Amino acid sequence: SVKGRFTISRENAKITVYLQMNSLHPEDTAIYYCESRDLNSPFTV
């Protein structure tokens, strides 16, 4: 539902993860939560 409109990125030096949201729709209305998990694998999502 967000492909092509949203972009996630991270800047580890700034300890920050971003979510750029473009072309927003009314159905995007929500509370947005950031979640994390400590992982050994560098590629797992």
ModelCIF file with pLDDT and N, C-alpha, C, O atoms, coordinates in Angstrom:
data_MODEL
#
_entry.id   MODEL 
#
_entity.id                         1 
_entity.type                       polymer 
_entity.pdbx_number_of_molecules   1 
#
_entity_poly.entity_id                      1 
_entity_poly.type                           'polypeptide(L)' 
_entity_poly.nstd_linkage                   no 
_entity_poly.nstd_monomer                   no 
_entity_poly.pdbx_seq_one_letter_code       SVKGRFTISRENAKITVYLQMNSLHPEDTAIYYCESRDLNSPFTV 
_entity_poly.pdbx_seq_one_letter_code_can   SVKGRFTISRENAKITVYLQMNSLHPEDTAIYYCESRDLNSPFTV 
_entity_poly.pdbx_strand_id                 A 
#
loop_
_entity_poly_seq.entity_id 
_entity_poly_seq.num 
_entity_poly_seq.mon_id 
_entity_poly_seq.hetero 
1 1  SER n 
1 2  VAL n 
1 3  LYS n 
1 4  GLY n 
1 5  ARG n 
1 6  PHE n 
1 7  THR n 
1 8  ILE n 
1 9  SER n 
1 10 ARG n 
1 11 GLU n 
1 12 ASN n 
1 13 ALA n 
1 14 LYS n 
1 15 ILE n 
1 16 THR n 
1 17 VAL n 
1 18 TYR n 
1 19 LEU n 
1 20 GLN n 
1 21 MET n 
1 22 ASN n 
1 23 SER n 
1 24 LEU n 
1 25 HIS n 
1 26 PRO n 
1 27 GLU n 
1 28 ASP n 
1 29 THR n 
1 30 ALA n 
1 31 ILE n 
1 32 TYR n 
1 33 TYR n 
1 34 CYS n 
1 35 GLU n 
1 36 SER n 
1 37 ARG n 
1 38 ASP n 
1 39 LEU n 
1 40 ASN n 
1 41 SER n 
1 42 PRO n 
1 43 PHE n 
1 44 THR n 
1 45 VAL n 
#
_struct_asym.id          A 
_struct_asym.entity_id   1 
#
loop_
_ma_qa_metric.id 
_ma_qa_metric.mode 
_ma_qa_metric.name 
_ma_qa_metric.software_group_id 
_ma_qa_metric.type 
1 global pLDDT . pLDDT 
2 local  pLDDT . pLDDT 
#
_ma_qa_metric_global.metric_id      1 
_ma_qa_metric_global.metric_value   94.98 
_ma_qa_metric_global.model_id       1 
_ma_qa_metric_global.ordinal_id     1 
#
loop_
_ma_qa_metric_local.label_asym_id 
_ma_qa_metric_local.label_comp_id 
_ma_qa_metric_local.label_seq_id 
_ma_qa_metric_local.metric_id 
_ma_qa_metric_local.metric_value 
_ma_qa_metric_local.model_id 
_ma_qa_metric_local.ordinal_id 
A SER 1  2 97.00 1 1  
A VAL 2  2 98.00 1 2  
A LYS 3  2 98.00 1 3  
A GLY 4  2 98.00 1 4  
A ARG 5  2 98.00 1 5  
A PHE 6  2 98.00 1 6  
A THR 7  2 98.00 1 7  
A ILE 8  2 98.00 1 8  
A SER 9  2 96.00 1 9  
A ARG 10 2 94.00 1 10 
A GLU 11 2 90.00 1 11 
A ASN 12 2 81.00 1 12 
A ALA 13 2 82.00 1 13 
A LYS 14 2 78.00 1 14 
A ILE 15 2 88.00 1 15 
A THR 16 2 93.00 1 16 
A VAL 17 2 95.00 1 17 
A TYR 18 2 97.00 1 18 
A LEU 19 2 98.00 1 19 
A GLN 20 2 98.00 1 20 
A MET 21 2 98.00 1 21 
A ASN 22 2 98.00 1 22 
A SER 23 2 98.00 1 23 
A LEU 24 2 98.00 1 24 
A HIS 25 2 97.00 1 25 
A PRO 26 2 97.00 1 26 
A GLU 27 2 96.00 1 27 
A ASP 28 2 98.00 1 28 
A THR 29 2 98.00 1 29 
A ALA 30 2 98.00 1 30 
A ILE 31 2 98.00 1 31 
A TYR 32 2 98.00 1 32 
A TYR 33 2 98.00 1 33 
A CYS 34 2 97.00 1 34 
A GLU 35 2 97.00 1 35 
A SER 36 2 96.00 1 36 
A ARG 37 2 95.00 1 37 
A ASP 38 2 93.00 1 38 
A LEU 39 2 91.00 1 39 
A ASN 40 2 92.00 1 40 
A SER 41 2 93.00 1 41 
A PRO 42 2 93.00 1 42 
A PHE 43 2 94.00 1 43 
A THR 44 2 94.00 1 44 
A VAL 45 2 96.00 1 45 
#
loop_
_atom_site.group_PDB 
_atom_site.id 
_atom_site.type_symbol 
_atom_site.label_atom_id 
_atom_site.label_alt_id 
_atom_site.label_comp_id 
_atom_site.label_asym_id 
_atom_site.label_entity_id 
_atom_site.label_seq_id 
_atom_site.pdbx_PDB_ins_code 
_atom_site.Cartn_x 
_atom_site.Cartn_y 
_atom_site.Cartn_z 
_atom_site.occupancy 
_atom_site.B_iso_or_equiv 
_atom_site.pdbx_formal_charge 
_atom_site.auth_seq_id 
_atom_site.auth_comp_id 
_atom_site.auth_asym_id 
_atom_site.auth_atom_id 
_atom_site.pdbx_PDB_model_num 
ATOM 1   N N  . SER A 1 1  ? 0.804  -1.217  0.000  1.00 97.00 ? 1  SER A N  1 
ATOM 2   C CA . SER A 1 1  ? 0.000  0.000   0.000  1.00 97.00 ? 1  SER A CA 1 
ATOM 3   C C  . SER A 1 1  ? 0.844  1.278   0.000  1.00 97.00 ? 1  SER A C  1 
ATOM 4   O O  . SER A 1 1  ? 0.334  2.358   -0.299 1.00 97.00 ? 1  SER A O  1 
ATOM 5   N N  . VAL A 1 2  ? 2.139  1.158   0.336  1.00 98.00 ? 2  VAL A N  1 
ATOM 6   C CA . VAL A 1 2  ? 2.977  2.362   0.411  1.00 98.00 ? 2  VAL A CA 1 
ATOM 7   C C  . VAL A 1 2  ? 4.126  2.342   -0.586 1.00 98.00 ? 2  VAL A C  1 
ATOM 8   O O  . VAL A 1 2  ? 4.862  3.323   -0.704 1.00 98.00 ? 2  VAL A O  1 
ATOM 9   N N  . LYS A 1 3  ? 4.286  1.241   -1.299 1.00 98.00 ? 3  LYS A N  1 
ATOM 10  C CA . LYS A 1 3  ? 5.389  1.163   -2.273 1.00 98.00 ? 3  LYS A CA 1 
ATOM 11  C C  . LYS A 1 3  ? 5.303  2.287   -3.283 1.00 98.00 ? 3  LYS A C  1 
ATOM 12  O O  . LYS A 1 3  ? 4.233  2.597   -3.806 1.00 98.00 ? 3  LYS A O  1 
ATOM 13  N N  . GLY A 1 4  ? 6.448  2.892   -3.547 1.00 98.00 ? 4  GLY A N  1 
ATOM 14  C CA . GLY A 1 4  ? 6.501  3.991   -4.507 1.00 98.00 ? 4  GLY A CA 1 
ATOM 15  C C  . GLY A 1 4  ? 6.155  5.333   -3.900 1.00 98.00 ? 4  GLY A C  1 
ATOM 16  O O  . GLY A 1 4  ? 6.371  6.368   -4.530 1.00 98.00 ? 4  GLY A O  1 
ATOM 17  N N  . ARG A 1 5  ? 5.618  5.339   -2.677 1.00 98.00 ? 5  ARG A N  1 
ATOM 18  C CA . ARG A 1 5  ? 5.252  6.597   -2.024 1.00 98.00 ? 5  ARG A CA 1 
ATOM 19  C C  . ARG A 1 5  ? 6.104  6.878   -0.786 1.00 98.00 ? 5  ARG A C  1 
ATOM 20  O O  . ARG A 1 5  ? 6.431  8.029   -0.497 1.00 98.00 ? 5  ARG A O  1 
ATOM 21  N N  . PHE A 1 6  ? 6.458  5.825   -0.063 1.00 98.00 ? 6  PHE A N  1 
ATOM 22  C CA . PHE A 1 6  ? 7.215  5.954   1.180  1.00 98.00 ? 6  PHE A CA 1 
ATOM 23  C C  . PHE A 1 6  ? 8.640  5.437   0.972  1.00 98.00 ? 6  PHE A C  1 
ATOM 24  O O  . PHE A 1 6  ? 8.873  4.514   0.192  1.00 98.00 ? 6  PHE A O  1 
ATOM 25  N N  . THR A 1 7  ? 9.580  6.049   1.680  1.00 98.00 ? 7  THR A N  1 
ATOM 26  C CA . THR A 1 7  ? 10.971 5.609   1.639  1.00 98.00 ? 7  THR A CA 1 
ATOM 27  C C  . THR A 1 7  ? 11.526 5.555   3.052  1.00 98.00 ? 7  THR A C  1 
ATOM 28  O O  . THR A 1 7  ? 11.461 6.535   3.794  1.00 98.00 ? 7  THR A O  1 
ATOM 29  N N  . ILE A 1 8  ? 12.072 4.403   3.417  1.00 98.00 ? 8  ILE A N  1 
ATOM 30  C CA . ILE A 1 8  ? 12.706 4.262   4.720  1.00 98.00 ? 8  ILE A CA 1 
ATOM 31  C C  . ILE A 1 8  ? 14.216 4.348   4.539  1.00 98.00 ? 8  ILE A C  1 
ATOM 32  O O  . ILE A 1 8  ? 14.767 3.834   3.566  1.00 98.00 ? 8  ILE A O  1 
ATOM 33  N N  . SER A 1 9  ? 14.871 5.000   5.481  1.00 96.00 ? 9  SER A N  1 
ATOM 34  C CA . SER A 1 9  ? 16.326 5.116   5.424  1.00 96.00 ? 9  SER A CA 1 
ATOM 35  C C  . SER A 1 9  ? 16.869 5.219   6.837  1.00 96.00 ? 9  SER A C  1 
ATOM 36  O O  . SER A 1 9  ? 16.129 5.482   7.786  1.00 96.00 ? 9  SER A O  1 
ATOM 37  N N  . ARG A 1 10 ? 18.180 5.006   6.965  1.00 94.00 ? 10 ARG A N  1 
ATOM 38  C CA . ARG A 1 10 ? 18.776 5.092   8.294  1.00 94.00 ? 10 ARG A CA 1 
ATOM 39  C C  . ARG A 1 10 ? 20.116 5.793   8.215  1.00 94.00 ? 10 ARG A C  1 
ATOM 40  O O  . ARG A 1 10 ? 20.848 5.664   7.234  1.00 94.00 ? 10 ARG A O  1 
ATOM 41  N N  . GLU A 1 11 ? 20.424 6.530   9.257  1.00 90.00 ? 11 GLU A N  1 
ATOM 42  C CA . GLU A 1 11 ? 21.732 7.155   9.416  1.00 90.00 ? 11 GLU A CA 1 
ATOM 43  C C  . GLU A 1 11 ? 22.253 6.707   10.777 1.00 90.00 ? 11 GLU A C  1 
ATOM 44  O O  . GLU A 1 11 ? 21.931 7.305   11.803 1.00 90.00 ? 11 GLU A O  1 
ATOM 45  N N  . ASN A 1 12 ? 23.056 5.658   10.774 1.00 81.00 ? 12 ASN A N  1 
ATOM 46  C CA . ASN A 1 12 ? 23.530 5.102   12.035 1.00 81.00 ? 12 ASN A CA 1 
ATOM 47  C C  . ASN A 1 12 ? 24.346 6.107   12.845 1.00 81.00 ? 12 ASN A C  1 
ATOM 48  O O  . ASN A 1 12 ? 24.301 6.105   14.076 1.00 81.00 ? 12 ASN A O  1 
ATOM 49  N N  . ALA A 1 13 ? 25.089 6.961   12.148 1.00 82.00 ? 13 ALA A N  1 
ATOM 50  C CA . ALA A 1 13 ? 25.889 7.957   12.861 1.00 82.00 ? 13 ALA A CA 1 
ATOM 51  C C  . ALA A 1 13 ? 25.000 8.919   13.649 1.00 82.00 ? 13 ALA A C  1 
ATOM 52  O O  . ALA A 1 13 ? 25.410 9.449   14.681 1.00 82.00 ? 13 ALA A O  1 
ATOM 53  N N  . LYS A 1 14 ? 23.789 9.139   13.160 1.00 78.00 ? 14 LYS A N  1 
ATOM 54  C CA . LYS A 1 14 ? 22.837 10.021  13.842 1.00 78.00 ? 14 LYS A CA 1 
ATOM 55  C C  . LYS A 1 14 ? 21.828 9.222   14.658 1.00 78.00 ? 14 LYS A C  1 
ATOM 56  O O  . LYS A 1 14 ? 20.863 9.772   15.190 1.00 78.00 ? 14 LYS A O  1 
ATOM 57  N N  . ILE A 1 15 ? 22.069 7.900   14.747 1.00 88.00 ? 15 ILE A N  1 
ATOM 58  C CA . ILE A 1 15 ? 21.177 6.987   15.489 1.00 88.00 ? 15 ILE A CA 1 
ATOM 59  C C  . ILE A 1 15 ? 19.714 7.246   15.151 1.00 88.00 ? 15 ILE A C  1 
ATOM 60  O O  . ILE A 1 15 ? 18.859 7.236   16.036 1.00 88.00 ? 15 ILE A O  1 
ATOM 61  N N  . THR A 1 16 ? 19.426 7.477   13.872 1.00 93.00 ? 16 THR A N  1 
ATOM 62  C CA . THR A 1 16 ? 18.088 7.849   13.441 1.00 93.00 ? 16 THR A CA 1 
ATOM 63  C C  . THR A 1 16 ? 17.667 7.031   12.229 1.00 93.00 ? 16 THR A C  1 
ATOM 64  O O  . THR A 1 16 ? 18.463 6.740   11.337 1.00 93.00 ? 16 THR A O  1 
ATOM 65  N N  . VAL A 1 17 ? 16.386 6.670   12.230 1.00 95.00 ? 17 VAL A N  1 
ATOM 66  C CA . VAL A 1 17 ? 15.759 6.040   11.074 1.00 95.00 ? 17 VAL A CA 1 
ATOM 67  C C  . VAL A 1 17 ? 14.630 6.958   10.619 1.00 95.00 ? 17 VAL A C  1 
ATOM 68  O O  . VAL A 1 17 ? 13.874 7.481   11.439 1.00 95.00 ? 17 VAL A O  1 
ATOM 69  N N  . TYR A 1 18 ? 14.524 7.148   9.311  1.00 97.00 ? 18 TYR A N  1 
ATOM 70  C CA . TYR A 1 18 ? 13.550 8.074   8.754  1.00 97.00 ? 18 TYR A CA 1 
ATOM 71  C C  . TYR A 1 18 ? 12.493 7.328   7.945  1.00 97.00 ? 18 TYR A C  1 
ATOM 72  O O  . TYR A 1 18 ? 12.735 6.237   7.429  1.00 97.00 ? 18 TYR A O  1 
ATOM 73  N N  . LEU A 1 19 ? 11.323 7.940   7.850  1.00 98.00 ? 19 LEU A N  1 
ATOM 74  C CA . LEU A 1 19 ? 10.292 7.467   6.937  1.00 98.00 ? 19 LEU A CA 1 
ATOM 75  C C  . LEU A 1 19 ? 9.777  8.687   6.177  1.00 98.00 ? 19 LEU A C  1 
ATOM 76  O O  . LEU A 1 19 ? 9.030  9.501   6.720  1.00 98.00 ? 19 LEU A O  1 
ATOM 77  N N  . GLN A 1 20 ? 10.185 8.803   4.919  1.00 98.00 ? 20 GLN A N  1 
ATOM 78  C CA . GLN A 1 20 ? 9.706  9.872   4.063  1.00 98.00 ? 20 GLN A CA 1 
ATOM 79  C C  . GLN A 1 20 ? 8.412  9.411   3.412  1.00 98.00 ? 20 GLN A C  1 
ATOM 80  O O  . GLN A 1 20 ? 8.375  8.383   2.735  1.00 98.00 ? 20 GLN A O  1 
ATOM 81  N N  . MET A 1 21 ? 7.353  10.182  3.625  1.00 98.00 ? 21 MET A N  1 
ATOM 82  C CA . MET A 1 21 ? 6.031  9.800   3.126  1.00 98.00 ? 21 MET A CA 1 
ATOM 83  C C  . MET A 1 21 ? 5.555  10.853  2.140  1.00 98.00 ? 21 MET A C  1 
ATOM 84  O O  . MET A 1 21 ? 5.351  12.011  2.503  1.00 98.00 ? 21 MET A O  1 
ATOM 85  N N  . ASN A 1 22 ? 5.380  10.443  0.893  1.00 98.00 ? 22 ASN A N  1 
ATOM 86  C CA . ASN A 1 22 ? 4.909  11.340  -0.163 1.00 98.00 ? 22 ASN A CA 1 
ATOM 87  C C  . ASN A 1 22 ? 3.550  10.870  -0.682 1.00 98.00 ? 22 ASN A C  1 
ATOM 88  O O  . ASN A 1 22 ? 3.138  9.735   -0.445 1.00 98.00 ? 22 ASN A O  1 
ATOM 89  N N  . SER A 1 23 ? 2.871  11.756  -1.386 1.00 98.00 ? 23 SER A N  1 
ATOM 90  C CA . SER A 1 23 ? 1.570  11.431  -1.994 1.00 98.00 ? 23 SER A CA 1 
ATOM 91  C C  . SER A 1 23 ? 0.650  10.782  -0.970 1.00 98.00 ? 23 SER A C  1 
ATOM 92  O O  . SER A 1 23 ? 0.077  9.724   -1.228 1.00 98.00 ? 23 SER A O  1 
ATOM 93  N N  . LEU A 1 24 ? 0.510  11.403  0.171  1.00 98.00 ? 24 LEU A N  1 
ATOM 94  C CA . LEU A 1 24 ? -0.270 10.818  1.266  1.00 98.00 ? 24 LEU A CA 1 
ATOM 95  C C  . LEU A 1 24 ? -1.748 10.751  0.920  1.00 98.00 ? 24 LEU A C  1 
ATOM 96  O O  . LEU A 1 24 ? -2.298 11.633  0.260  1.00 98.00 ? 24 LEU A O  1 
ATOM 97  N N  . HIS A 1 25 ? -2.376 9.671   1.391  1.00 97.00 ? 25 HIS A N  1 
ATOM 98  C CA . HIS A 1 25 ? -3.801 9.436   1.209  1.00 97.00 ? 25 HIS A CA 1 
ATOM 99  C C  . HIS A 1 25 ? -4.496 9.526   2.560  1.00 97.00 ? 25 HIS A C  1 
ATOM 100 O O  . HIS A 1 25 ? -3.857 9.310   3.590  1.00 97.00 ? 25 HIS A O  1 
ATOM 101 N N  . PRO A 1 26 ? -5.794 9.840   2.582  1.00 97.00 ? 26 PRO A N  1 
ATOM 102 C CA . PRO A 1 26 ? -6.522 9.833   3.867  1.00 97.00 ? 26 PRO A CA 1 
ATOM 103 C C  . PRO A 1 26 ? -6.408 8.497   4.596  1.00 97.00 ? 26 PRO A C  1 
ATOM 104 O O  . PRO A 1 26 ? -6.394 8.468   5.826  1.00 97.00 ? 26 PRO A O  1 
ATOM 105 N N  . GLU A 1 27 ? -6.328 7.403   3.863  1.00 96.00 ? 27 GLU A N  1 
ATOM 106 C CA . GLU A 1 27 ? -6.216 6.094   4.518  1.00 96.00 ? 27 GLU A CA 1 
ATOM 107 C C  . GLU A 1 27 ? -4.848 5.851   5.149  1.00 96.00 ? 27 GLU A C  1 
ATOM 108 O O  . GLU A 1 27 ? -4.651 4.832   5.811  1.00 96.00 ? 27 GLU A O  1 
ATOM 109 N N  . ASP A 1 28 ? -3.903 6.765   4.958  1.00 98.00 ? 28 ASP A N  1 
ATOM 110 C CA . ASP A 1 28 ? -2.614 6.683   5.662  1.00 98.00 ? 28 ASP A CA 1 
ATOM 111 C C  . ASP A 1 28 ? -2.723 7.234   7.082  1.00 98.00 ? 28 ASP A C  1 
ATOM 112 O O  . ASP A 1 28 ? -1.773 7.136   7.858  1.00 98.00 ? 28 ASP A O  1 
ATOM 113 N N  . THR A 1 29 ? -3.857 7.805   7.422  1.00 98.00 ? 29 THR A N  1 
ATOM 114 C CA . THR A 1 29 ? -4.061 8.349   8.765  1.00 98.00 ? 29 THR A CA 1 
ATOM 115 C C  . THR A 1 29 ? -3.945 7.253   9.808  1.00 98.00 ? 29 THR A C  1 
ATOM 116 O O  . THR A 1 29 ? -4.636 6.236   9.734  1.00 98.00 ? 29 THR A O  1 
ATOM 117 N N  . ALA A 1 30 ? -3.071 7.463   10.779 1.00 98.00 ? 30 ALA A N  1 
ATOM 118 C CA . ALA A 1 30 ? -2.837 6.459   11.825 1.00 98.00 ? 30 ALA A CA 1 
ATOM 119 C C  . ALA A 1 30 ? -1.796 7.012   12.799 1.00 98.00 ? 30 ALA A C  1 
ATOM 120 O O  . ALA A 1 30 ? -1.200 8.064   12.569 1.00 98.00 ? 30 ALA A O  1 
ATOM 121 N N  . ILE A 1 31 ? -1.595 6.278   13.885 1.00 98.00 ? 31 ILE A N  1 
ATOM 122 C CA . ILE A 1 31 ? -0.430 6.500   14.729 1.00 98.00 ? 31 ILE A CA 1 
ATOM 123 C C  . ILE A 1 31 ? 0.690  5.631   14.171 1.00 98.00 ? 31 ILE A C  1 
ATOM 124 O O  . ILE A 1 31 ? 0.512  4.432   13.954 1.00 98.00 ? 31 ILE A O  1 
ATOM 125 N N  . TYR A 1 32 ? 1.830  6.240   13.944 1.00 98.00 ? 32 TYR A N  1 
ATOM 126 C CA . TYR A 1 32 ? 2.986  5.535   13.372 1.00 98.00 ? 32 TYR A CA 1 
ATOM 127 C C  . TYR A 1 32 ? 3.988  5.235   14.482 1.00 98.00 ? 32 TYR A C  1 
ATOM 128 O O  . TYR A 1 32 ? 4.379  6.115   15.249 1.00 98.00 ? 32 TYR A O  1 
ATOM 129 N N  . TYR A 1 33 ? 4.390  3.969   14.543 1.00 98.00 ? 33 TYR A N  1 
ATOM 130 C CA . TYR A 1 33 ? 5.309  3.499   15.571 1.00 98.00 ? 33 TYR A CA 1 
ATOM 131 C C  . TYR A 1 33 ? 6.605  3.015   14.928 1.00 98.00 ? 33 TYR A C  1 
ATOM 132 O O  . TYR A 1 33 ? 6.605  2.387   13.869 1.00 98.00 ? 33 TYR A O  1 
ATOM 133 N N  . CYS A 1 34 ? 7.694  3.326   15.598 1.00 97.00 ? 34 CYS A N  1 
ATOM 134 C CA . CYS A 1 34 ? 8.998  2.805   15.238 1.00 97.00 ? 34 CYS A CA 1 
ATOM 135 C C  . CYS A 1 34 ? 9.276  1.604   16.137 1.00 97.00 ? 34 CYS A C  1 
ATOM 136 O O  . CYS A 1 34 ? 9.088  1.680   17.351 1.00 97.00 ? 34 CYS A O  1 
ATOM 137 N N  . GLU A 1 35 ? 9.722  0.498   15.548 1.00 97.00 ? 35 GLU A N  1 
ATOM 138 C CA . GLU A 1 35 ? 10.012 -0.697  16.323 1.00 97.00 ? 35 GLU A CA 1 
ATOM 139 C C  . GLU A 1 35 ? 11.390 -1.216  15.940 1.00 97.00 ? 35 GLU A C  1 
ATOM 140 O O  . GLU A 1 35 ? 11.865 -0.977  14.830 1.00 97.00 ? 35 GLU A O  1 
ATOM 141 N N  . SER A 1 36 ? 12.029 -1.926  16.861 1.00 96.00 ? 36 SER A N  1 
ATOM 142 C CA . SER A 1 36 ? 13.379 -2.400  16.581 1.00 96.00 ? 36 SER A CA 1 
ATOM 143 C C  . SER A 1 36 ? 13.618 -3.777  17.186 1.00 96.00 ? 36 SER A C  1 
ATOM 144 O O  . SER A 1 36 ? 12.901 -4.234  18.075 1.00 96.00 ? 36 SER A O  1 
ATOM 145 N N  . ARG A 1 37 ? 14.651 -4.410  16.665 1.00 95.00 ? 37 ARG A N  1 
ATOM 146 C CA . ARG A 1 37 ? 15.074 -5.703  17.213 1.00 95.00 ? 37 ARG A CA 1 
ATOM 147 C C  . ARG A 1 37 ? 16.566 -5.864  16.959 1.00 95.00 ? 37 ARG A C  1 
ATOM 148 O O  . ARG A 1 37 ? 17.059 -5.629  15.856 1.00 95.00 ? 37 ARG A O  1 
ATOM 149 N N  . ASP A 1 38 ? 17.266 -6.270  18.008 1.00 93.00 ? 38 ASP A N  1 
ATOM 150 C CA . ASP A 1 38 ? 18.685 -6.571  17.921 1.00 93.00 ? 38 ASP A CA 1 
ATOM 151 C C  . ASP A 1 38 ? 18.869 -7.868  17.150 1.00 93.00 ? 38 ASP A C  1 
ATOM 152 O O  . ASP A 1 38 ? 18.327 -8.903  17.538 1.00 93.00 ? 38 ASP A O  1 
ATOM 153 N N  . LEU A 1 39 ? 19.628 -7.821  16.064 1.00 91.00 ? 39 LEU A N  1 
ATOM 154 C CA . LEU A 1 39 ? 19.815 -9.000  15.223 1.00 91.00 ? 39 LEU A CA 1 
ATOM 155 C C  . LEU A 1 39 ? 21.283 -9.167  14.856 1.00 91.00 ? 39 LEU A C  1 
ATOM 156 O O  . LEU A 1 39 ? 22.005 -8.186  14.674 1.00 91.00 ? 39 LEU A O  1 
ATOM 157 N N  . ASN A 1 40 ? 21.718 -10.423 14.749 1.00 92.00 ? 40 ASN A N  1 
ATOM 158 C CA . ASN A 1 40 ? 23.051 -10.669 14.229 1.00 92.00 ? 40 ASN A CA 1 
ATOM 159 C C  . ASN A 1 40 ? 23.083 -10.515 12.718 1.00 92.00 ? 40 ASN A C  1 
ATOM 160 O O  . ASN A 1 40 ? 24.048 -9.995  12.157 1.00 92.00 ? 40 ASN A O  1 
ATOM 161 N N  . SER A 1 41 ? 22.008 -10.975 12.054 1.00 93.00 ? 41 SER A N  1 
ATOM 162 C CA . SER A 1 41 ? 21.994 -10.935 10.589 1.00 93.00 ? 41 SER A CA 1 
ATOM 163 C C  . SER A 1 41 ? 21.913 -9.496  10.108 1.00 93.00 ? 41 SER A C  1 
ATOM 164 O O  . SER A 1 41 ? 21.063 -8.739  10.576 1.00 93.00 ? 41 SER A O  1 
ATOM 165 N N  . PRO A 1 42 ? 22.781 -9.106  9.182  1.00 93.00 ? 42 PRO A N  1 
ATOM 166 C CA . PRO A 1 42 ? 22.725 -7.725  8.681  1.00 93.00 ? 42 PRO A CA 1 
ATOM 167 C C  . PRO A 1 42 ? 21.671 -7.509  7.599  1.00 93.00 ? 42 PRO A C  1 
ATOM 168 O O  . PRO A 1 42 ? 21.407 -6.370  7.216  1.00 93.00 ? 42 PRO A O  1 
ATOM 169 N N  . PHE A 1 43 ? 21.062 -8.599  7.097  1.00 94.00 ? 43 PHE A N  1 
ATOM 170 C CA . PHE A 1 43 ? 20.162 -8.462  5.943  1.00 94.00 ? 43 PHE A CA 1 
ATOM 171 C C  . PHE A 1 43 ? 18.703 -8.778  6.263  1.00 94.00 ? 43 PHE A C  1 
ATOM 172 O O  . PHE A 1 43 ? 17.822 -8.489  5.454  1.00 94.00 ? 43 PHE A O  1 
ATOM 173 N N  . THR A 1 44 ? 18.437 -9.360  7.417  1.00 94.00 ? 44 THR A N  1 
ATOM 174 C CA . THR A 1 44 ? 17.088 -9.832  7.732  1.00 94.00 ? 44 THR A CA 1 
ATOM 175 C C  . THR A 1 44 ? 16.140 -8.687  7.996  1.00 94.00 ? 44 THR A C  1 
ATOM 176 O O  . THR A 1 44 ? 16.470 -7.722  8.686  1.00 94.00 ? 44 THR A O  1 
ATOM 177 N N  . VAL A 1 45 ? 14.919 -8.820  7.415  1.00 96.00 ? 45 VAL A N  1 
ATOM 178 C CA . VAL A 1 45 ? 13.844 -7.853  7.649  1.00 96.00 ? 45 VAL A CA 1 
ATOM 179 C C  . VAL A 1 45 ? 12.604 -8.634  8.044  1.00 96.00 ? 45 VAL A C  1 
ATOM 180 O O  . VAL A 1 45 ? 11.555 -8.041  8.296  1.00 96.00 ? 45 VAL A O  1 
#
